[in-house]
C-alpha atoms as a PDB file:
ATOM      1  CA  MET A   1      77.048   8.378 -19.062  1.00  0.00           C
ATOM      2  CA  ASP A   2      78.370   5.889 -16.642  1.00  0.00           C
ATOM      3  CA  ALA A   3      74.638   5.355 -15.237  1.00  0.00           C
ATOM      4  CA  ALA A   4      73.144   5.321 -18.636  1.00  0.00           C
ATOM      5  CA  GLY A   5      75.614   2.585 -19.536  1.00  0.00           C
ATOM      6  CA  ASP A   6      74.706   0.447 -16.126  1.00  0.00           C
ATOM      7  CA  ALA A   7      70.895   0.705 -16.554  1.00  0.00           C
ATOM      8  CA  ALA A   8      71.622  -0.538 -19.884  1.00  0.00           C
ATOM      9  CA  GLY A   9      73.685  -3.507 -19.152  1.00  0.00           C
ATOM     10  CA  GLY A  10      70.695  -3.582 -16.679  1.00  0.00           C
ATOM     11  CA  LEU A  11      68.183  -4.102 -19.186  1.00  0.00           C
ATOM     12  CA  GLY A  12      69.887  -6.629 -21.443  1.00  0.00           C
ATOM     13  CA  THR A  13      70.659  -8.458 -18.587  1.00  0.00           C
ATOM     14  CA  VAL A  14      66.888  -8.344 -17.599  1.00  0.00           C
ATOM     15  CA  LEU A  15      65.466  -9.292 -21.263  1.00  0.00           C
ATOM     16  CA  GLN A  16      68.487 -12.483 -21.450  1.00  0.00           C
ATOM     17  CA  VAL A  17      66.458 -13.864 -18.079  1.00  0.00           C
ATOM     18  CA  VAL A  18      63.107 -13.287 -19.456  1.00  0.00           C
ATOM     19  CA  GLU A  19      64.044 -14.741 -22.624  1.00  0.00           C
ATOM     20  CA  LYS A  20      65.991 -18.017 -21.414  1.00  0.00           C
ATOM     21  CA  THR A  21      62.551 -18.010 -19.052  1.00  0.00           C
ATOM     22  CA  VAL A  22      60.118 -17.945 -21.711  1.00  0.00           C
ATOM     23  CA  ARG A  23      62.248 -20.327 -24.077  1.00  0.00           C
ATOM     24  CA  LYS A  24      62.173 -22.928 -21.408  1.00  0.00           C
ATOM     25  CA  LYS A  25      57.980 -22.249 -20.271  1.00  0.00           C
ATOM     26  CA  ILE A  26      57.969 -22.857 -24.338  1.00  0.00           C
ATOM     27  CA  VAL A  27      59.705 -26.292 -24.398  1.00  0.00           C
ATOM     28  CA  ARG A  28      57.895 -27.425 -21.438  1.00  0.00           C
ATOM     29  CA  ALA A  29      54.632 -26.542 -22.511  1.00  0.00           C
ATOM     30  CA  VAL A  30      55.221 -28.782 -26.052  1.00  0.00           C
ATOM     31  CA  GLY A  31      57.050 -31.221 -23.462  1.00  0.00           C
ATOM     32  CA  TRP A  32      53.782 -32.269 -21.746  1.00  0.00           C
ATOM     33  CA  LEU A  33      51.800 -31.506 -24.707  1.00  0.00           C
ATOM     34  CA  LEU A  34      53.516 -34.365 -26.672  1.00  0.00           C
ATOM     35  CA  LEU A  35      53.790 -36.360 -23.237  1.00  0.00           C
ATOM     36  CA  VAL A  36      49.791 -36.158 -23.088  1.00  0.00           C
ATOM     37  CA  VAL A  37      49.520 -36.740 -26.681  1.00  0.00           C
ATOM     38  CA  SER A  38      51.603 -40.280 -25.623  1.00  0.00           C
ATOM     39  CA  GLY A  39      49.074 -41.116 -22.955  1.00  0.00           C
ATOM     40  CA  TYR A  40      46.075 -41.203 -25.094  1.00  0.00           C
ATOM     41  CA  LEU A  41      47.503 -42.615 -27.866  1.00  0.00           C
ATOM     42  CA  ILE A  42      48.517 -45.870 -25.275  1.00  0.00           C
ATOM     43  CA  VAL A  43      45.333 -45.923 -23.288  1.00  0.00           C
ATOM     44  CA  THR A  44      43.422 -45.930 -26.494  1.00  0.00           C
ATOM     45  CA  ARG A  45      45.229 -47.711 -28.997  1.00  0.00           C
ATOM     46  CA  MET A  46      47.591 -50.088 -26.870  1.00  0.00           C
ATOM     47  CA  GLU A  47      46.993 -53.359 -25.000  1.00  0.00           C
ATOM     48  CA  ALA A  48      49.244 -54.859 -22.115  1.00  0.00           C
ATOM     49  CA  SER A  49      48.656 -58.020 -24.238  1.00  0.00           C
ATOM     50  CA  ALA A  50      50.013 -56.918 -27.243  1.00  0.00           C
ATOM     51  CA  LEU A  51      53.531 -55.401 -25.737  1.00  0.00           C
ATOM     52  CA  ILE A  52      53.837 -58.359 -23.997  1.00  0.00           C
ATOM     53  CA  ASP A  53      53.330 -60.499 -27.080  1.00  0.00           C
ATOM     54  CA  GLY A  54      56.060 -57.988 -28.006  1.00  0.00           C
ATOM     55  CA  VAL A  55      58.646 -58.461 -25.617  1.00  0.00           C
ATOM     56  CA  GLN A  56      58.455 -62.176 -26.535  1.00  0.00           C
ATOM     57  CA  LYS A  57      59.453 -61.881 -30.267  1.00  0.00           C
ATOM     58  CA  LEU A  58      61.852 -59.871 -29.705  1.00  0.00           C
ATOM     59  CA  ALA A  59      63.166 -61.942 -27.462  1.00  0.00           C
ATOM     60  CA  ALA A  60      62.888 -64.858 -29.472  1.00  0.00           C
ATOM     61  CA  HIS A  61      65.060 -63.018 -32.495  1.00  0.00           C
ATOM     62  CA  PRO A  62      68.752 -63.216 -30.129  1.00  0.00           C
ATOM     63  CA  GLY A  63      70.370 -61.746 -33.517  1.00  0.00           C
ATOM     64  CA  LEU A  64      68.640 -59.126 -34.010  1.00  0.00           C
ATOM     65  CA  LEU A  65      68.932 -58.397 -30.103  1.00  0.00           C
ATOM     66  CA  LEU A  66      72.466 -58.758 -30.607  1.00  0.00           C
ATOM     67  CA  THR A  67      72.533 -56.376 -32.762  1.00  0.00           C
ATOM     68  CA  MET A  68      71.014 -53.785 -31.423  1.00  0.00           C
ATOM     69  CA  THR A  69      73.026 -53.756 -28.885  1.00  0.00           C
ATOM     70  CA  VAL A  70      76.738 -53.741 -30.854  1.00  0.00           C
ATOM     71  CA  CYS A  71      75.251 -51.148 -32.820  1.00  0.00           C
ATOM     72  CA  TYR A  72      74.150 -48.531 -29.753  1.00  0.00           C
ATOM     73  CA  GLY A  73      77.327 -49.044 -28.524  1.00  0.00           C
ATOM     74  CA  ALA A  74      79.810 -48.595 -31.547  1.00  0.00           C
ATOM     75  CA  ALA A  75      77.242 -45.513 -32.012  1.00  0.00           C
ATOM     76  CA  PHE A  76      78.362 -44.199 -28.947  1.00  0.00           C
ATOM     77  CA  TRP A  77      81.664 -45.022 -29.420  1.00  0.00           C
ATOM     78  CA  LEU A  78      81.813 -43.302 -32.512  1.00  0.00           C
ATOM     79  CA  ARG A  79      80.645 -39.947 -31.096  1.00  0.00           C
ATOM     80  CA  SER A  80      83.658 -40.501 -28.232  1.00  0.00           C
ATOM     81  CA  TRP A  81      85.969 -40.883 -30.855  1.00  0.00           C
ATOM     82  CA  ALA A  82      84.435 -37.732 -32.699  1.00  0.00           C
ATOM     83  CA  TRP A  83      84.063 -35.723 -29.192  1.00  0.00           C
ATOM     84  CA  GLN A  84      87.610 -36.830 -29.189  1.00  0.00           C
ATOM     85  CA  LYS A  85      88.703 -34.845 -32.329  1.00  0.00           C
ATOM     86  CA  GLN A  86      87.228 -31.889 -30.785  1.00  0.00           C
ATOM     87  CA  THR A  87      88.987 -31.781 -27.809  1.00  0.00           C
ATOM     88  CA  VAL A  88      92.067 -29.981 -27.526  1.00  0.00           C
ATOM     89  CA  HIS A  89      93.596 -31.624 -24.818  1.00  0.00           C
ATOM     90  CA  ARG A  90      93.253 -35.540 -26.169  1.00  0.00           C
ATOM     91  CA  VAL A  91      91.158 -37.385 -23.895  1.00  0.00           C
ATOM     92  CA  PRO A  92      91.712 -41.371 -24.431  1.00  0.00           C
ATOM     93  CA  VAL A  93      88.142 -42.624 -26.508  1.00  0.00           C
ATOM     94  CA  LEU A  94      87.644 -45.316 -23.714  1.00  0.00           C
ATOM     95  CA  ARG A  95      87.245 -42.845 -20.910  1.00  0.00           C
ATOM     96  CA  LEU A  96      85.430 -40.313 -23.247  1.00  0.00           C
ATOM     97  CA  TRP A  97      83.325 -43.652 -24.200  1.00  0.00           C
ATOM     98  CA  TYR A  98      82.801 -44.103 -20.243  1.00  0.00           C
ATOM     99  CA  TYR A  99      81.457 -40.247 -20.255  1.00  0.00           C
ATOM    100  CA  HIS A 100      78.821 -40.113 -22.797  1.00  0.00           C
ATOM    101  CA  HIS A 101      78.118 -43.923 -20.576  1.00  0.00           C
ATOM    102  CA  ILE A 102      77.519 -41.992 -17.456  1.00  0.00           C
ATOM    103  CA  GLY A 103      76.098 -38.622 -19.516  1.00  0.00           C
ATOM    104  CA  LEU A 104      73.208 -41.394 -20.633  1.00  0.00           C
ATOM    105  CA  LEU A 105      72.476 -42.866 -17.245  1.00  0.00           C
ATOM    106  CA  LEU A 106      71.678 -39.580 -15.588  1.00  0.00           C
ATOM    107  CA  ASN A 107      69.674 -38.500 -18.732  1.00  0.00           C
ATOM    108  CA  HIS A 108      67.700 -41.657 -17.788  1.00  0.00           C
ATOM    109  CA  LEU A 109      66.895 -41.066 -14.420  1.00  0.00           C
ATOM    110  CA  LEU A 110      66.325 -37.766 -14.107  1.00  0.00           C
ATOM    111  CA  PRO A 111      64.321 -35.281 -16.256  1.00  0.00           C
ATOM    112  CA  VAL A 112      66.540 -32.621 -16.776  1.00  0.00           C
ATOM    113  CA  LYS A 113      69.718 -32.675 -19.393  1.00  0.00           C
ATOM    114  CA  ALA A 114      71.607 -33.941 -16.216  1.00  0.00           C
ATOM    115  CA  GLY A 115      74.216 -36.076 -18.224  1.00  0.00           C
ATOM    116  CA  GLU A 116      75.754 -33.132 -19.978  1.00  0.00           C
ATOM    117  CA  LEU A 117      76.585 -31.350 -16.627  1.00  0.00           C
ATOM    118  CA  ALA A 118      78.073 -34.620 -15.211  1.00  0.00           C
ATOM    119  CA  ARG A 119      80.086 -34.736 -18.475  1.00  0.00           C
ATOM    120  CA  MET A 120      81.550 -30.748 -17.869  1.00  0.00           C
ATOM    121  CA  ALA A 121      82.127 -32.359 -13.989  1.00  0.00           C
ATOM    122  CA  LEU A 122      83.760 -35.273 -15.457  1.00  0.00           C
ATOM    123  CA  LEU A 123      86.267 -33.220 -18.061  1.00  0.00           C
ATOM    124  CA  ARG A 124      87.480 -30.493 -15.314  1.00  0.00           C
ATOM    125  CA  ARG A 125      87.862 -33.347 -12.155  1.00  0.00           C
ATOM    126  CA  ARG A 126      89.548 -36.374 -14.237  1.00  0.00           C
ATOM    127  CA  GLU A 127      91.296 -34.737 -16.771  1.00  0.00           C
ATOM    128  CA  GLY A 128      92.388 -31.384 -15.641  1.00  0.00           C
ATOM    129  CA  PHE A 129      90.486 -29.301 -18.132  1.00  0.00           C
ATOM    130  CA  ALA A 130      89.459 -25.228 -17.191  1.00  0.00           C
ATOM    131  CA  TRP A 131      85.771 -24.797 -16.249  1.00  0.00           C
ATOM    132  CA  SER A 132      85.312 -22.841 -19.318  1.00  0.00           C
ATOM    133  CA  ALA A 133      87.278 -25.211 -21.701  1.00  0.00           C
ATOM    134  CA  ALA A 134      85.099 -28.345 -19.955  1.00  0.00           C
ATOM    135  CA  VAL A 135      81.271 -26.233 -20.735  1.00  0.00           C
ATOM    136  CA  VAL A 136      82.285 -25.139 -24.236  1.00  0.00           C
ATOM    137  CA  SER A 137      84.367 -29.179 -25.175  1.00  0.00           C
ATOM    138  CA  VAL A 138      80.336 -30.569 -23.879  1.00  0.00           C
ATOM    139  CA  ALA A 139      78.731 -27.900 -25.697  1.00  0.00           C
ATOM    140  CA  GLY A 140      80.660 -27.899 -28.932  1.00  0.00           C
ATOM    141  CA  ASN A 141      79.860 -32.316 -29.000  1.00  0.00           C
ATOM    142  CA  ARG A 142      76.655 -30.993 -28.454  1.00  0.00           C
ATOM    143  CA  LEU A 143      76.598 -28.709 -31.734  1.00  0.00           C
ATOM    144  CA  MET A 144      78.327 -31.479 -33.277  1.00  0.00           C
ATOM    145  CA  ASP A 145      75.699 -33.606 -32.045  1.00  0.00           C
ATOM    146  CA  MET A 146      72.721 -31.754 -33.834  1.00  0.00           C
ATOM    147  CA  ALA A 147      74.665 -31.030 -36.957  1.00  0.00           C
ATOM    148  CA  GLY A 148      75.468 -34.659 -37.776  1.00  0.00           C
ATOM    149  CA  LEU A 149      71.353 -35.497 -37.290  1.00  0.00           C
ATOM    150  CA  ALA A 150      70.236 -32.019 -39.187  1.00  0.00           C
ATOM    151  CA  ALA A 151      72.887 -33.783 -41.970  1.00  0.00           C
ATOM    152  CA  LEU A 152      71.343 -37.235 -41.379  1.00  0.00           C
ATOM    153  CA  ALA A 153      67.709 -35.997 -41.475  1.00  0.00           C
ATOM    154  CA  ALA A 154      67.870 -34.151 -44.905  1.00  0.00           C
ATOM    155  CA  ALA A 155      69.621 -36.927 -46.612  1.00  0.00           C
ATOM    156  CA  ALA A 156      66.795 -39.565 -45.812  1.00  0.00           C
ATOM    157  CA  LEU A 157      64.635 -37.285 -46.672  1.00  0.00           C
ATOM    158  CA  LEU A 158      66.280 -36.480 -50.093  1.00  0.00           C
ATOM    159  CA  LEU A 159      66.207 -40.024 -50.170  1.00  0.00           C
ATOM    160  CA  ILE A 160      62.289 -41.052 -49.569  1.00  0.00           C
ATOM    161  CA  ALA A 161      61.720 -37.465 -51.794  1.00  0.00           C
ATOM    162  CA  PRO A 162      60.626 -38.742 -54.488  1.00  0.00           C
ATOM    163  CA  ARG A 163      56.992 -40.815 -53.465  1.00  0.00           C
ATOM    164  CA  GLN A 164      57.023 -39.319 -49.258  1.00  0.00           C
ATOM    165  CA  ILE A 165      56.934 -35.706 -49.652  1.00  0.00           C
ATOM    166  CA  GLN A 166      54.503 -35.207 -52.247  1.00  0.00           C
ATOM    167  CA  LEU A 167      52.215 -37.615 -50.373  1.00  0.00           C
ATOM    168  CA  TRP A 168      53.227 -35.343 -47.050  1.00  0.00           C
ATOM    169  CA  TYR A 169      52.680 -31.735 -48.764  1.00  0.00           C
ATOM    170  CA  GLY A 170      51.338 -32.085 -52.807  1.00  0.00           C
ATOM    171  CA  GLU A 171      50.909 -29.000 -54.218  1.00  0.00           C
ATOM    172  CA  ARG A 172      52.112 -27.584 -50.658  1.00  0.00           C
ATOM    173  CA  LEU A 173      55.594 -28.542 -51.146  1.00  0.00           C
ATOM    174  CA  ALA A 174      56.823 -24.758 -52.374  1.00  0.00           C
ATOM    175  CA  TRP A 175      55.195 -24.385 -47.967  1.00  0.00           C
ATOM    176  CA  ALA A 176      57.905 -26.768 -47.158  1.00  0.00           C
ATOM    177  CA  VAL A 177      60.680 -25.439 -48.911  1.00  0.00           C
ATOM    178  CA  ALA A 178      59.826 -21.882 -47.166  1.00  0.00           C
ATOM    179  CA  VAL A 179      59.450 -23.011 -43.914  1.00  0.00           C
ATOM    180  CA  SER A 180      62.623 -25.297 -44.122  1.00  0.00           C
ATOM    181  CA  ALA A 181      64.840 -22.151 -45.460  1.00  0.00           C
ATOM    182  CA  ALA A 182      62.465 -19.778 -42.962  1.00  0.00           C
ATOM    183  CA  ALA A 183      64.035 -22.380 -40.240  1.00  0.00           C
ATOM    184  CA  ALA A 184      67.815 -22.507 -41.777  1.00  0.00           C
ATOM    185  CA  ALA A 185      68.311 -18.967 -42.132  1.00  0.00           C
ATOM    186  CA  ALA A 186      66.942 -18.425 -38.149  1.00  0.00           C
ATOM    187  CA  VAL A 187      69.391 -21.552 -37.219  1.00  0.00           C
ATOM    188  CA  LEU A 188      71.967 -19.161 -39.044  1.00  0.00           C
ATOM    189  CA  ALA A 189      70.926 -15.517 -37.681  1.00  0.00           C
ATOM    190  CA  GLY A 190      70.839 -17.755 -33.627  1.00  0.00           C
ATOM    191  CA  SER A 191      74.667 -18.968 -34.863  1.00  0.00           C
ATOM    192  CA  ARG A 192      75.788 -15.295 -35.821  1.00  0.00           C
ATOM    193  CA  TYR A 193      74.231 -13.953 -32.514  1.00  0.00           C
ATOM    194  CA  ALA A 194      75.882 -16.638 -30.231  1.00  0.00           C
ATOM    195  CA  GLU A 195      79.033 -15.611 -31.791  1.00  0.00           C
ATOM    196  CA  ARG A 196      78.908 -12.319 -31.440  1.00  0.00           C
ATOM    197  CA  ARG A 197      77.395 -12.154 -27.497  1.00  0.00           C
ATOM    198  CA  PHE A 198      80.191 -14.628 -26.478  1.00  0.00           C
ATOM    199  CA  PRO A 199      83.406 -14.590 -28.537  1.00  0.00           C
ATOM    200  CA  ALA A 200      84.401 -17.767 -27.201  1.00  0.00           C
ATOM    201  CA  VAL A 201      81.827 -19.598 -29.604  1.00  0.00           C
ATOM    202  CA  ALA A 202      83.405 -18.299 -32.742  1.00  0.00           C
ATOM    203  CA  ARG A 203      86.568 -18.999 -31.337  1.00  0.00           C
ATOM    204  CA  TYR A 204      85.405 -22.789 -30.556  1.00  0.00           C
ATOM    205  CA  ARG A 205      83.063 -23.322 -33.469  1.00  0.00           C
ATOM    206  CA  ARG A 206      86.511 -22.437 -35.534  1.00  0.00           C
ATOM    207  CA  ALA A 207      88.254 -25.195 -33.793  1.00  0.00           C
ATOM    208  CA  PHE A 208      85.980 -27.603 -34.025  1.00  0.00           C
ATOM    209  CA  PHE A 209      84.298 -27.094 -37.750  1.00  0.00           C
ATOM    210  CA  GLN A 210      86.929 -25.710 -39.477  1.00  0.00           C
ATOM    211  CA  GLY A 211      90.111 -28.307 -40.220  1.00  0.00           C
ATOM    212  CA  PRO A 212      90.098 -32.040 -40.850  1.00  0.00           C
ATOM    213  CA  HIS A 213      89.533 -32.438 -37.145  1.00  0.00           C
ATOM    214  CA  GLY A 214      87.036 -31.002 -37.769  1.00  0.00           C
ATOM    215  CA  LEU A 215      85.245 -32.599 -40.862  1.00  0.00           C
ATOM    216  CA  THR A 216      86.148 -36.106 -39.416  1.00  0.00           C
ATOM    217  CA  ALA A 217      84.669 -35.498 -36.545  1.00  0.00           C
ATOM    218  CA  PHE A 218      81.337 -34.488 -37.986  1.00  0.00           C
ATOM    219  CA  PHE A 219      82.097 -37.481 -40.609  1.00  0.00           C
ATOM    220  CA  LEU A 220      82.181 -39.723 -37.014  1.00  0.00           C
ATOM    221  CA  THR A 221      79.271 -38.295 -35.657  1.00  0.00           C
ATOM    222  CA  ALA A 222      77.036 -38.904 -38.024  1.00  0.00           C
ATOM    223  CA  ALA A 223      77.782 -42.255 -38.396  1.00  0.00           C
ATOM    224  CA  GLY A 224      77.457 -42.978 -34.884  1.00  0.00           C
ATOM    225  CA  TRP A 225      73.596 -41.876 -35.629  1.00  0.00           C
ATOM    226  CA  LEU A 226      73.328 -43.598 -38.776  1.00  0.00           C
ATOM    227  CA  LEU A 227      73.889 -46.489 -36.104  1.00  0.00           C
ATOM    228  CA  GLU A 228      71.709 -46.084 -33.989  1.00  0.00           C
ATOM    229  CA  ALA A 229      68.678 -46.020 -36.881  1.00  0.00           C
ATOM    230  CA  ALA A 230      69.397 -49.500 -36.736  1.00  0.00           C
ATOM    231  CA  VAL A 231      67.616 -49.978 -33.381  1.00  0.00           C
ATOM    232  CA  VAL A 232      64.228 -48.935 -34.564  1.00  0.00           C
ATOM    233  CA  TRP A 233      64.623 -51.026 -38.029  1.00  0.00           C
ATOM    234  CA  SER A 234      65.568 -54.333 -35.381  1.00  0.00           C
ATOM    235  CA  VAL A 235      62.480 -54.132 -33.249  1.00  0.00           C
ATOM    236  CA  VAL A 236      60.011 -53.409 -36.425  1.00  0.00           C
ATOM    237  CA  ARG A 237      61.828 -56.795 -38.605  1.00  0.00           C
ATOM    238  CA  ALA A 238      61.276 -58.579 -34.992  1.00  0.00           C
ATOM    239  CA  LEU A 239      57.688 -57.248 -34.741  1.00  0.00           C
ATOM    240  CA  GLY A 240      57.065 -58.867 -38.287  1.00  0.00           C
ATOM    241  CA  GLY A 241      57.357 -55.974 -40.148  1.00  0.00           C
ATOM    242  CA  GLN A 242      58.984 -53.702 -42.637  1.00  0.00           C
ATOM    243  CA  LEU A 243      60.217 -50.510 -42.765  1.00  0.00           C
ATOM    244  CA  GLU A 244      62.664 -49.224 -45.277  1.00  0.00           C
ATOM    245  CA  THR A 245      66.116 -48.394 -44.356  1.00  0.00           C
ATOM    246  CA  ALA A 246      65.850 -44.249 -45.004  1.00  0.00           C
ATOM    247  CA  SER A 247      62.383 -44.437 -43.207  1.00  0.00           C
ATOM    248  CA  ALA A 248      64.067 -45.912 -40.305  1.00  0.00           C
ATOM    249  CA  LEU A 249      67.072 -43.400 -40.358  1.00  0.00           C
ATOM    250  CA  LEU A 250      64.270 -40.713 -40.319  1.00  0.00           C
ATOM    251  CA  VAL A 251      62.180 -42.076 -38.026  1.00  0.00           C
ATOM    252  CA  HIS A 252      65.839 -42.149 -35.891  1.00  0.00           C
ATOM    253  CA  VAL A 253      66.397 -38.854 -36.028  1.00  0.00           C
ATOM    254  CA  LEU A 254      63.339 -37.126 -35.895  1.00  0.00           C
ATOM    255  CA  THR A 255      62.456 -39.186 -32.520  1.00  0.00           C
ATOM    256  CA  ILE A 256      65.651 -37.972 -31.268  1.00  0.00           C
ATOM    257  CA  ILE A 257      65.432 -34.145 -32.439  1.00  0.00           C
ATOM    258  CA  GLY A 258      62.470 -34.619 -31.175  1.00  0.00           C
ATOM    259  CA  GLN A 259      63.579 -35.267 -27.436  1.00  0.00           C
ATOM    260  CA  THR A 260      64.562 -31.507 -27.382  1.00  0.00           C
ATOM    261  CA  PHE A 261      60.934 -31.077 -25.615  1.00  0.00           C
ATOM    262  CA  HIS A 262      61.262 -33.977 -22.933  1.00  0.00           C
ATOM    263  CA  VAL A 263      60.274 -33.131 -18.848  1.00  0.00           C
ATOM    264  CA  THR A 264      60.805 -36.723 -18.279  1.00  0.00           C
ATOM    265  CA  PRO A 265      63.421 -38.999 -17.166  1.00  0.00           C
ATOM    266  CA  GLY A 266      64.567 -40.377 -20.589  1.00  0.00           C
ATOM    267  CA  GLY A 267      61.978 -38.499 -22.491  1.00  0.00           C
ATOM    268  CA  ILE A 268      59.356 -40.767 -21.783  1.00  0.00           C
ATOM    269  CA  GLY A 269      55.996 -40.310 -23.583  1.00  0.00           C
ATOM    270  CA  THR A 270      57.923 -37.454 -25.714  1.00  0.00           C
ATOM    271  CA  TYR A 271      59.909 -40.534 -27.028  1.00  0.00           C
ATOM    272  CA  GLU A 272      56.635 -42.537 -27.982  1.00  0.00           C
ATOM    273  CA  ALA A 273      54.481 -40.119 -29.412  1.00  0.00           C
ATOM    274  CA  VAL A 274      56.825 -38.903 -32.077  1.00  0.00           C
ATOM    275  CA  MET A 275      58.137 -42.402 -32.888  1.00  0.00           C
ATOM    276  CA  ALA A 276      54.349 -43.454 -33.172  1.00  0.00           C
ATOM    277  CA  SER A 277      53.486 -41.117 -35.136  1.00  0.00           C
ATOM    278  CA  LEU A 278      56.501 -40.676 -37.632  1.00  0.00           C
ATOM    279  CA  LEU A 279      55.987 -44.659 -37.876  1.00  0.00           C
ATOM    280  CA  HIS A 280      52.604 -44.437 -38.365  1.00  0.00           C
ATOM    281  CA  GLU A 281      53.030 -41.297 -41.457  1.00  0.00           C
ATOM    282  CA  THR A 282      56.102 -42.507 -43.344  1.00  0.00           C
ATOM    283  CA  ALA A 283      55.988 -46.116 -42.972  1.00  0.00           C
ATOM    284  CA  GLY A 284      51.944 -46.442 -42.786  1.00  0.00           C
ATOM    285  CA  HIS A 285      51.959 -48.939 -39.800  1.00  0.00           C
ATOM    286  CA  SER A 286      49.101 -48.665 -37.651  1.00  0.00           C
ATOM    287  CA  LEU A 287      49.102 -46.459 -34.621  1.00  0.00           C
ATOM    288  CA  ALA A 288      49.060 -49.711 -32.357  1.00  0.00           C
ATOM    289  CA  PHE A 289      52.192 -51.772 -34.265  1.00  0.00           C
ATOM    290  CA  ALA A 290      53.227 -48.074 -34.157  1.00  0.00           C
ATOM    291  CA  LEU A 291      53.630 -47.633 -29.960  1.00  0.00           C
ATOM    292  CA  GLN A 292      54.642 -51.142 -29.826  1.00  0.00           C
ATOM    293  CA  VAL A 293      58.289 -50.161 -31.788  1.00  0.00           C
ATOM    294  CA  ALA A 294      58.110 -47.177 -30.340  1.00  0.00           C
ATOM    295  CA  ILE A 295      57.941 -48.554 -26.016  1.00  0.00           C
ATOM    296  CA  LEU A 296      60.221 -51.269 -27.365  1.00  0.00           C
ATOM    297  CA  SER A 297      62.656 -49.114 -28.825  1.00  0.00           C
ATOM    298  CA  HIS A 298      62.560 -47.107 -25.872  1.00  0.00           C
ATOM    299  CA  GLY A 299      62.621 -50.061 -23.197  1.00  0.00           C
ATOM    300  CA  PHE A 300      65.870 -51.078 -24.652  1.00  0.00           C
ATOM    301  CA  LYS A 301      67.860 -48.425 -25.145  1.00  0.00           C
ATOM    302  CA  PHE A 302      66.386 -47.961 -20.641  1.00  0.00           C
ATOM    303  CA  CYS A 303      68.210 -51.155 -19.967  1.00  0.00           C
ATOM    304  CA  TYR A 304      70.943 -50.557 -22.176  1.00  0.00           C
ATOM    305  CA  SER A 305      71.483 -47.088 -20.347  1.00  0.00           C
ATOM    306  CA  PHE A 306      71.500 -48.698 -16.795  1.00  0.00           C
ATOM    307  CA  VAL A 307      73.728 -51.209 -17.640  1.00  0.00           C
ATOM    308  CA  ALA A 308      76.411 -49.646 -19.719  1.00  0.00           C
ATOM    309  CA  GLY A 309      76.263 -46.418 -17.941  1.00  0.00           C
ATOM    310  CA  GLY A 310      76.377 -48.857 -14.577  1.00  0.00           C
ATOM    311  CA  LEU A 311      79.533 -50.636 -16.054  1.00  0.00           C
ATOM    312  CA  ALA A 312      81.047 -47.402 -16.513  1.00  0.00           C
ATOM    313  CA  ALA A 313      80.646 -45.911 -13.092  1.00  0.00           C
ATOM    314  CA  TRP A 314      82.294 -49.251 -12.055  1.00  0.00           C
ATOM    315  CA  ARG A 315      85.055 -49.084 -13.715  1.00  0.00           C
ATOM    316  CA  LEU A 316      85.826 -45.205 -13.011  1.00  0.00           C
ATOM    317  CA  SER A 317      84.865 -45.894  -8.984  1.00  0.00           C
ATOM    318  CA  LEU A 318      82.136 -43.931  -9.295  1.00  0.00           C
ATOM    319  CA  SER A 319      78.737 -44.326  -6.965  1.00  0.00           C
ATOM    320  CA  PRO A 320      75.393 -43.518  -8.190  1.00  0.00           C
ATOM    321  CA  LEU A 321      75.684 -40.708  -5.325  1.00  0.00           C
ATOM    322  CA  ALA A 322      79.019 -39.499  -6.955  1.00  0.00           C
ATOM    323  CA  LEU A 323      77.142 -38.890  -9.901  1.00  0.00           C
ATOM    324  CA  PHE A 324      74.254 -37.347  -8.947  1.00  0.00           C
ATOM    325  CA  ARG A 325      76.500 -34.745  -6.614  1.00  0.00           C
ATOM    326  CA  GLU A 326      78.796 -33.602  -9.530  1.00  0.00           C
ATOM    327  CA  ALA A 327      76.189 -32.573 -11.503  1.00  0.00           C
ATOM    328  CA  ARG A 328      74.393 -30.381  -8.893  1.00  0.00           C
ATOM    329  CA  GLU A 329      77.899 -29.181  -8.379  1.00  0.00           C
ATOM    330  CA  ALA A 330      79.015 -28.597 -12.137  1.00  0.00           C
ATOM    331  CA  SER A 331      75.851 -26.442 -12.542  1.00  0.00           C
ATOM    332  CA  GLU A 332      76.107 -24.232  -9.237  1.00  0.00           C
ATOM    333  CA  GLU A 333      79.473 -23.643 -10.159  1.00  0.00           C
ATOM    334  CA  GLY A 334      78.798 -22.838 -14.160  1.00  0.00           C
ATOM    335  CA  ASP A 335      76.140 -20.437 -12.503  1.00  0.00           C
ATOM    336  CA  HIS A 336      78.817 -18.483 -10.059  1.00  0.00           C
ATOM    337  CA  ASP A 337      82.095 -19.301 -11.977  1.00  0.00           C
ATOM    338  CA  LYS A 338      83.039 -15.539 -13.353  1.00  0.00           C
ATOM    339  CA  SER A 339      85.713 -17.080 -15.391  1.00  0.00           C
ATOM    340  CA  VAL A 340      83.515 -19.028 -17.625  1.00  0.00           C
ATOM    341  CA  ASP A 341      83.894 -16.815 -21.213  1.00  0.00           C
ATOM    342  CA  ILE A 342      80.783 -18.238 -22.964  1.00  0.00           C
END
């Protein structure tokens, strides 16, 4: 029995490794495909003079630039507040806001999600969290992000459904509903599996998503992502275009979700391909204009991440080298710490 149990356990471990490897390869393949599509669109549809003209037009609208900056910063404040609501050991919102920006900086410097690892390391070293609690805190915060994004995407689709969904799918609407239902079932099944496989997930899910704090965190998170849509809306307006609020929200949310398939720092290429396609399909803008908007929007976010992330690092007395080291050490500790129960 012991030998059989060991064999079964070994097989389970092998299957987990294979599953993880396949998933990574799929994500990378999609990411590279989007990068190639983005490069092709930029080469064939974009001119350097048009991009320079776009920068000049954006600079000529300081009010819109201020709106973008304030809304983007406030979005991180709201999501930091939501993170505090999810955290058992309450950390001041300002410090969590700094941690968010350090993560943002690293995510725009590296082709991997090092920002999440850095946030875990900061919770452990600066706030005294156990490693497992830090992992669960950041993972739970990311789950709340996904829940907020999904809710906003659904709301935006409902707002534009009377005309846009019919335009997209026509008689194939039933297929779209079936695919959506299948996706929802897959997410539900995946969450159930995660709860059975990792008992801590179920425990922390109940703590995060139930009760007044979970509901408050959800609405704060959704409001934060809603504010971020001001970036793409402002860029379109600065360039002389029009974009309805619901369309801006849908474009923004689906672009962020598309960042799951990134293979470059900050999702360069993935962001542009997804946003340009969405602006073309949902708002009817030309691909050249849509690319211009996507590049300028992403460029603004890069500039913001470097400035705000640098400020956060300065306020916390962290050097860029220390940020990389904390992220790397967090990853190594996570791989070898047997006390991690998620």
